Amino acid sequence: MNGYIDDALLRIQDLETRMTAAEAEVRIAVKSADERVASSTALQDDDHLALSVVAGGWYAVEAYLDVEGDPVGDLTIGWSVLAGATMSWTENGVSAGNTNNIGSVKLGRNDAATASGVGIITAGSSVCPVGRLTVGGTAETLPLRWA
């Protein structure tokens, strides 16, 4: 019986070590230049906002986006993850169609495959998407996608 208990304790210790190492990693992406797009419907990877993540890793994803644009077009955001990865996230921005940054804040839960629109105005808006990413068996890059 001691052998089983010792084995279980070693496995728990190994998991704790790996979790501590993963928790210590902070990854940051910074947008180094403004970027404009002509389409308000075709999602594209952002030129700068992408994170390299490790296979089997878990990540809390937080972003602060300072955006501006024609309120008619709104802003659609999403993520691109490899097969085997899962993501749950929320927009944390004013509902699409607003013209003055006043309205309902969208906090619905989306999965990785779901892109969602938020309202923006010409004078500028803040959008703060947050979520949780669990990476599958392959390391990847997690780009923010938008239109």
C-alpha atoms as a PDB file:
ATOM      1  CA  MET A   1       0.000   0.000   0.000  1.00  0.00           C
ATOM      2  CA  ASN A   2       2.863   2.388   0.766  1.00  0.00           C
ATOM      3  CA  GLY A   3       4.081   2.018  -2.816  1.00  0.00           C
ATOM      4  CA  TYR A   4       0.749   3.253  -4.185  1.00  0.00           C
ATOM      5  CA  ILE A   5       0.636   6.166  -1.762  1.00  0.00           C
ATOM      6  CA  ASP A   6       4.241   7.134  -2.515  1.00  0.00           C
ATOM      7  CA  ASP A   7       3.518   6.979  -6.263  1.00  0.00           C
ATOM      8  CA  ALA A   8       0.394   9.146  -5.854  1.00  0.00           C
ATOM      9  CA  LEU A   9       2.329  11.692  -3.788  1.00  0.00           C
ATOM     10  CA  LEU A  10       5.076  11.870  -6.433  1.00  0.00           C
ATOM     11  CA  ARG A  11       2.463  12.440  -9.152  1.00  0.00           C
ATOM     12  CA  ILE A  12       0.794  15.197  -7.139  1.00  0.00           C
ATOM     13  CA  GLN A  13       4.160  16.840  -6.496  1.00  0.00           C
ATOM     14  CA  ASP A  14       4.957  16.693 -10.237  1.00  0.00           C
ATOM     15  CA  LEU A  15       1.609  18.320 -11.087  1.00  0.00           C
ATOM     16  CA  GLU A  16       2.172  21.051  -8.495  1.00  0.00           C
ATOM     17  CA  THR A  17       5.645  21.753  -9.927  1.00  0.00           C
ATOM     18  CA  ARG A  18       4.310  22.004 -13.476  1.00  0.00           C
ATOM     19  CA  MET A  19       1.409  24.227 -12.396  1.00  0.00           C
ATOM     20  CA  THR A  20       3.751  26.553 -10.495  1.00  0.00           C
ATOM     21  CA  ALA A  21       6.012  26.842 -13.551  1.00  0.00           C
ATOM     22  CA  ALA A  22       3.045  27.552 -15.842  1.00  0.00           C
ATOM     23  CA  GLU A  23       1.598  30.114 -13.415  1.00  0.00           C
ATOM     24  CA  ALA A  24       4.921  31.941 -13.376  1.00  0.00           C
ATOM     25  CA  GLU A  25       4.767  32.566 -17.126  1.00  0.00           C
ATOM     26  CA  VAL A  26       3.303  35.854 -18.205  1.00  0.00           C
ATOM     27  CA  ARG A  27       3.053  36.545 -21.913  1.00  0.00           C
ATOM     28  CA  ILE A  28       2.373  40.005 -23.246  1.00  0.00           C
ATOM     29  CA  ALA A  29       1.669  41.279 -26.737  1.00  0.00           C
ATOM     30  CA  VAL A  30       1.845  45.002 -27.455  1.00  0.00           C
ATOM     31  CA  LYS A  31       0.490  46.743 -30.512  1.00  0.00           C
ATOM     32  CA  SER A  32       3.396  48.793 -31.851  1.00  0.00           C
ATOM     33  CA  ALA A  33       1.489  50.660 -34.566  1.00  0.00           C
ATOM     34  CA  ASP A  34      -2.049  51.565 -35.570  1.00  0.00           C
ATOM     35  CA  GLU A  35      -3.683  49.286 -38.083  1.00  0.00           C
ATOM     36  CA  ARG A  36      -6.577  49.995 -40.427  1.00  0.00           C
ATOM     37  CA  VAL A  37      -8.770  47.604 -42.365  1.00  0.00           C
ATOM     38  CA  ALA A  38     -11.226  48.324 -45.143  1.00  0.00           C
ATOM     39  CA  SER A  39     -13.646  45.452 -44.483  1.00  0.00           C
ATOM     40  CA  SER A  40     -16.043  45.459 -41.593  1.00  0.00           C
ATOM     41  CA  THR A  41     -16.947  41.787 -42.087  1.00  0.00           C
ATOM     42  CA  ALA A  42     -13.851  39.735 -43.030  1.00  0.00           C
ATOM     43  CA  LEU A  43     -11.890  38.839 -39.882  1.00  0.00           C
ATOM     44  CA  GLN A  44      -8.134  39.118 -40.157  1.00  0.00           C
ATOM     45  CA  ASP A  45      -5.288  38.376 -37.742  1.00  0.00           C
ATOM     46  CA  ASP A  46      -3.973  41.479 -36.028  1.00  0.00           C
ATOM     47  CA  ASP A  47      -0.468  42.432 -37.196  1.00  0.00           C
ATOM     48  CA  HIS A  48       0.898  42.558 -33.626  1.00  0.00           C
ATOM     49  CA  LEU A  49      -1.469  41.080 -31.051  1.00  0.00           C
ATOM     50  CA  ALA A  50      -0.583  37.391 -30.914  1.00  0.00           C
ATOM     51  CA  LEU A  51       0.830  35.204 -28.150  1.00  0.00           C
ATOM     52  CA  SER A  52       2.998  32.124 -28.441  1.00  0.00           C
ATOM     53  CA  VAL A  53       1.606  29.461 -26.118  1.00  0.00           C
ATOM     54  CA  VAL A  54       2.919  26.045 -25.126  1.00  0.00           C
ATOM     55  CA  ALA A  55       1.316  22.651 -25.679  1.00  0.00           C
ATOM     56  CA  GLY A  56      -0.859  21.665 -22.739  1.00  0.00           C
ATOM     57  CA  GLY A  57      -0.760  25.183 -21.255  1.00  0.00           C
ATOM     58  CA  TRP A  58      -3.618  27.074 -19.632  1.00  0.00           C
ATOM     59  CA  TYR A  59      -3.817  30.828 -20.036  1.00  0.00           C
ATOM     60  CA  ALA A  60      -5.911  33.691 -18.753  1.00  0.00           C
ATOM     61  CA  VAL A  61      -6.274  36.084 -21.678  1.00  0.00           C
ATOM     62  CA  GLU A  62      -6.885  39.775 -21.038  1.00  0.00           C
ATOM     63  CA  ALA A  63      -6.788  42.609 -23.538  1.00  0.00           C
ATOM     64  CA  TYR A  64      -7.353  46.338 -23.504  1.00  0.00           C
ATOM     65  CA  LEU A  65      -8.209  47.621 -26.976  1.00  0.00           C
ATOM     66  CA  ASP A  66      -8.324  51.355 -27.642  1.00  0.00           C
ATOM     67  CA  VAL A  67     -10.287  51.483 -30.893  1.00  0.00           C
ATOM     68  CA  GLU A  68     -12.003  54.014 -33.106  1.00  0.00           C
ATOM     69  CA  GLY A  69     -13.993  53.791 -36.272  1.00  0.00           C
ATOM     70  CA  ASP A  70     -17.256  54.361 -38.036  1.00  0.00           C
ATOM     71  CA  PRO A  71     -20.076  53.347 -35.673  1.00  0.00           C
ATOM     72  CA  VAL A  72     -21.953  51.879 -38.633  1.00  0.00           C
ATOM     73  CA  GLY A  73     -19.274  49.192 -39.029  1.00  0.00           C
ATOM     74  CA  ASP A  74     -18.822  48.345 -35.335  1.00  0.00           C
ATOM     75  CA  LEU A  75     -15.891  46.087 -34.385  1.00  0.00           C
ATOM     76  CA  THR A  76     -15.977  42.313 -34.674  1.00  0.00           C
ATOM     77  CA  ILE A  77     -13.391  40.429 -32.635  1.00  0.00           C
ATOM     78  CA  GLY A  78     -12.457  36.782 -32.250  1.00  0.00           C
ATOM     79  CA  TRP A  79      -9.552  34.392 -31.850  1.00  0.00           C
ATOM     80  CA  SER A  80      -7.904  31.670 -33.911  1.00  0.00           C
ATOM     81  CA  VAL A  81      -6.888  28.471 -32.107  1.00  0.00           C
ATOM     82  CA  LEU A  82      -5.598  25.121 -33.348  1.00  0.00           C
ATOM     83  CA  ALA A  83      -7.630  21.935 -33.194  1.00  0.00           C
ATOM     84  CA  GLY A  84      -7.496  20.466 -29.704  1.00  0.00           C
ATOM     85  CA  ALA A  85      -7.423  23.852 -27.979  1.00  0.00           C
ATOM     86  CA  THR A  86     -10.463  25.287 -26.227  1.00  0.00           C
ATOM     87  CA  MET A  87     -11.277  28.839 -25.337  1.00  0.00           C
ATOM     88  CA  SER A  88     -14.076  30.561 -23.483  1.00  0.00           C
ATOM     89  CA  TRP A  89     -14.138  34.351 -23.707  1.00  0.00           C
ATOM     90  CA  THR A  90     -16.317  37.450 -23.504  1.00  0.00           C
ATOM     91  CA  GLU A  91     -16.244  40.729 -25.422  1.00  0.00           C
ATOM     92  CA  ASN A  92     -16.508  43.158 -22.500  1.00  0.00           C
ATOM     93  CA  GLY A  93     -17.541  46.030 -24.749  1.00  0.00           C
ATOM     94  CA  VAL A  94     -20.687  48.033 -25.501  1.00  0.00           C
ATOM     95  CA  SER A  95     -23.296  46.263 -27.625  1.00  0.00           C
ATOM     96  CA  ALA A  96     -23.005  46.681 -31.394  1.00  0.00           C
ATOM     97  CA  GLY A  97     -24.836  49.600 -32.946  1.00  0.00           C
ATOM     98  CA  ASN A  98     -24.118  52.159 -30.232  1.00  0.00           C
ATOM     99  CA  THR A  99     -23.275  55.689 -31.330  1.00  0.00           C
ATOM    100  CA  ASN A 100     -22.130  57.234 -28.044  1.00  0.00           C
ATOM    101  CA  ASN A 101     -20.376  54.531 -25.937  1.00  0.00           C
ATOM    102  CA  ILE A 102     -23.511  54.241 -23.823  1.00  0.00           C
ATOM    103  CA  GLY A 103     -25.421  50.989 -23.806  1.00  0.00           C
ATOM    104  CA  SER A 104     -25.438  47.427 -22.585  1.00  0.00           C
ATOM    105  CA  VAL A 105     -22.054  45.819 -21.974  1.00  0.00           C
ATOM    106  CA  LYS A 106     -21.706  42.443 -23.683  1.00  0.00           C
ATOM    107  CA  LEU A 107     -20.567  39.737 -21.302  1.00  0.00           C
ATOM    108  CA  GLY A 108     -21.921  36.638 -23.028  1.00  0.00           C
ATOM    109  CA  ARG A 109     -19.741  33.528 -23.053  1.00  0.00           C
ATOM    110  CA  ASN A 110     -18.278  32.679 -26.467  1.00  0.00           C
ATOM    111  CA  ASP A 111     -16.196  29.724 -27.570  1.00  0.00           C
ATOM    112  CA  ALA A 112     -13.025  29.958 -29.654  1.00  0.00           C
ATOM    113  CA  ALA A 113     -14.893  29.612 -32.942  1.00  0.00           C
ATOM    114  CA  THR A 114     -17.275  32.504 -32.187  1.00  0.00           C
ATOM    115  CA  ALA A 115     -16.532  36.043 -33.322  1.00  0.00           C
ATOM    116  CA  SER A 116     -18.672  38.792 -31.842  1.00  0.00           C
ATOM    117  CA  GLY A 117     -19.378  42.440 -32.555  1.00  0.00           C
ATOM    118  CA  VAL A 118     -19.157  45.391 -30.211  1.00  0.00           C
ATOM    119  CA  GLY A 119     -20.002  49.027 -30.763  1.00  0.00           C
ATOM    120  CA  ILE A 120     -17.358  51.672 -31.392  1.00  0.00           C
ATOM    121  CA  ILE A 121     -17.399  55.360 -32.197  1.00  0.00           C
ATOM    122  CA  THR A 122     -15.212  57.714 -34.195  1.00  0.00           C
ATOM    123  CA  ALA A 123     -13.992  59.520 -31.059  1.00  0.00           C
ATOM    124  CA  GLY A 124     -12.731  56.239 -29.572  1.00  0.00           C
ATOM    125  CA  SER A 125     -13.972  53.311 -27.512  1.00  0.00           C
ATOM    126  CA  SER A 126     -12.508  50.823 -25.060  1.00  0.00           C
ATOM    127  CA  VAL A 127     -13.033  47.099 -25.543  1.00  0.00           C
ATOM    128  CA  CYS A 128     -11.602  44.686 -22.977  1.00  0.00           C
ATOM    129  CA  PRO A 129     -12.019  41.052 -24.071  1.00  0.00           C
ATOM    130  CA  VAL A 130     -11.084  38.408 -21.497  1.00  0.00           C
ATOM    131  CA  GLY A 131     -11.077  34.640 -21.515  1.00  0.00           C
ATOM    132  CA  ARG A 132      -9.441  31.342 -20.725  1.00  0.00           C
ATOM    133  CA  LEU A 133      -7.426  29.302 -23.215  1.00  0.00           C
ATOM    134  CA  THR A 134      -6.510  25.641 -22.784  1.00  0.00           C
ATOM    135  CA  VAL A 135      -3.973  24.579 -25.384  1.00  0.00           C
ATOM    136  CA  GLY A 136      -4.112  21.078 -26.862  1.00  0.00           C
ATOM    137  CA  GLY A 137      -1.137  18.890 -27.685  1.00  0.00           C
ATOM    138  CA  THR A 138       0.511  21.377 -30.047  1.00  0.00           C
ATOM    139  CA  ALA A 139       2.204  24.680 -29.240  1.00  0.00           C
ATOM    140  CA  GLU A 140       0.655  27.506 -31.202  1.00  0.00           C
ATOM    141  CA  THR A 141       0.245  31.229 -31.630  1.00  0.00           C
ATOM    142  CA  LEU A 142      -3.003  32.801 -30.440  1.00  0.00           C
ATOM    143  CA  PRO A 143      -3.777  35.825 -32.635  1.00  0.00           C
ATOM    144  CA  LEU A 144      -6.519  38.333 -31.933  1.00  0.00           C
ATOM    145  CA  ARG A 145      -8.714  38.543 -35.044  1.00  0.00           C
ATOM    146  CA  TRP A 146     -10.837  41.509 -35.962  1.00  0.00           C
ATOM    147  CA  ALA A 147     -12.757  43.350 -38.635  1.00  0.00           C
END
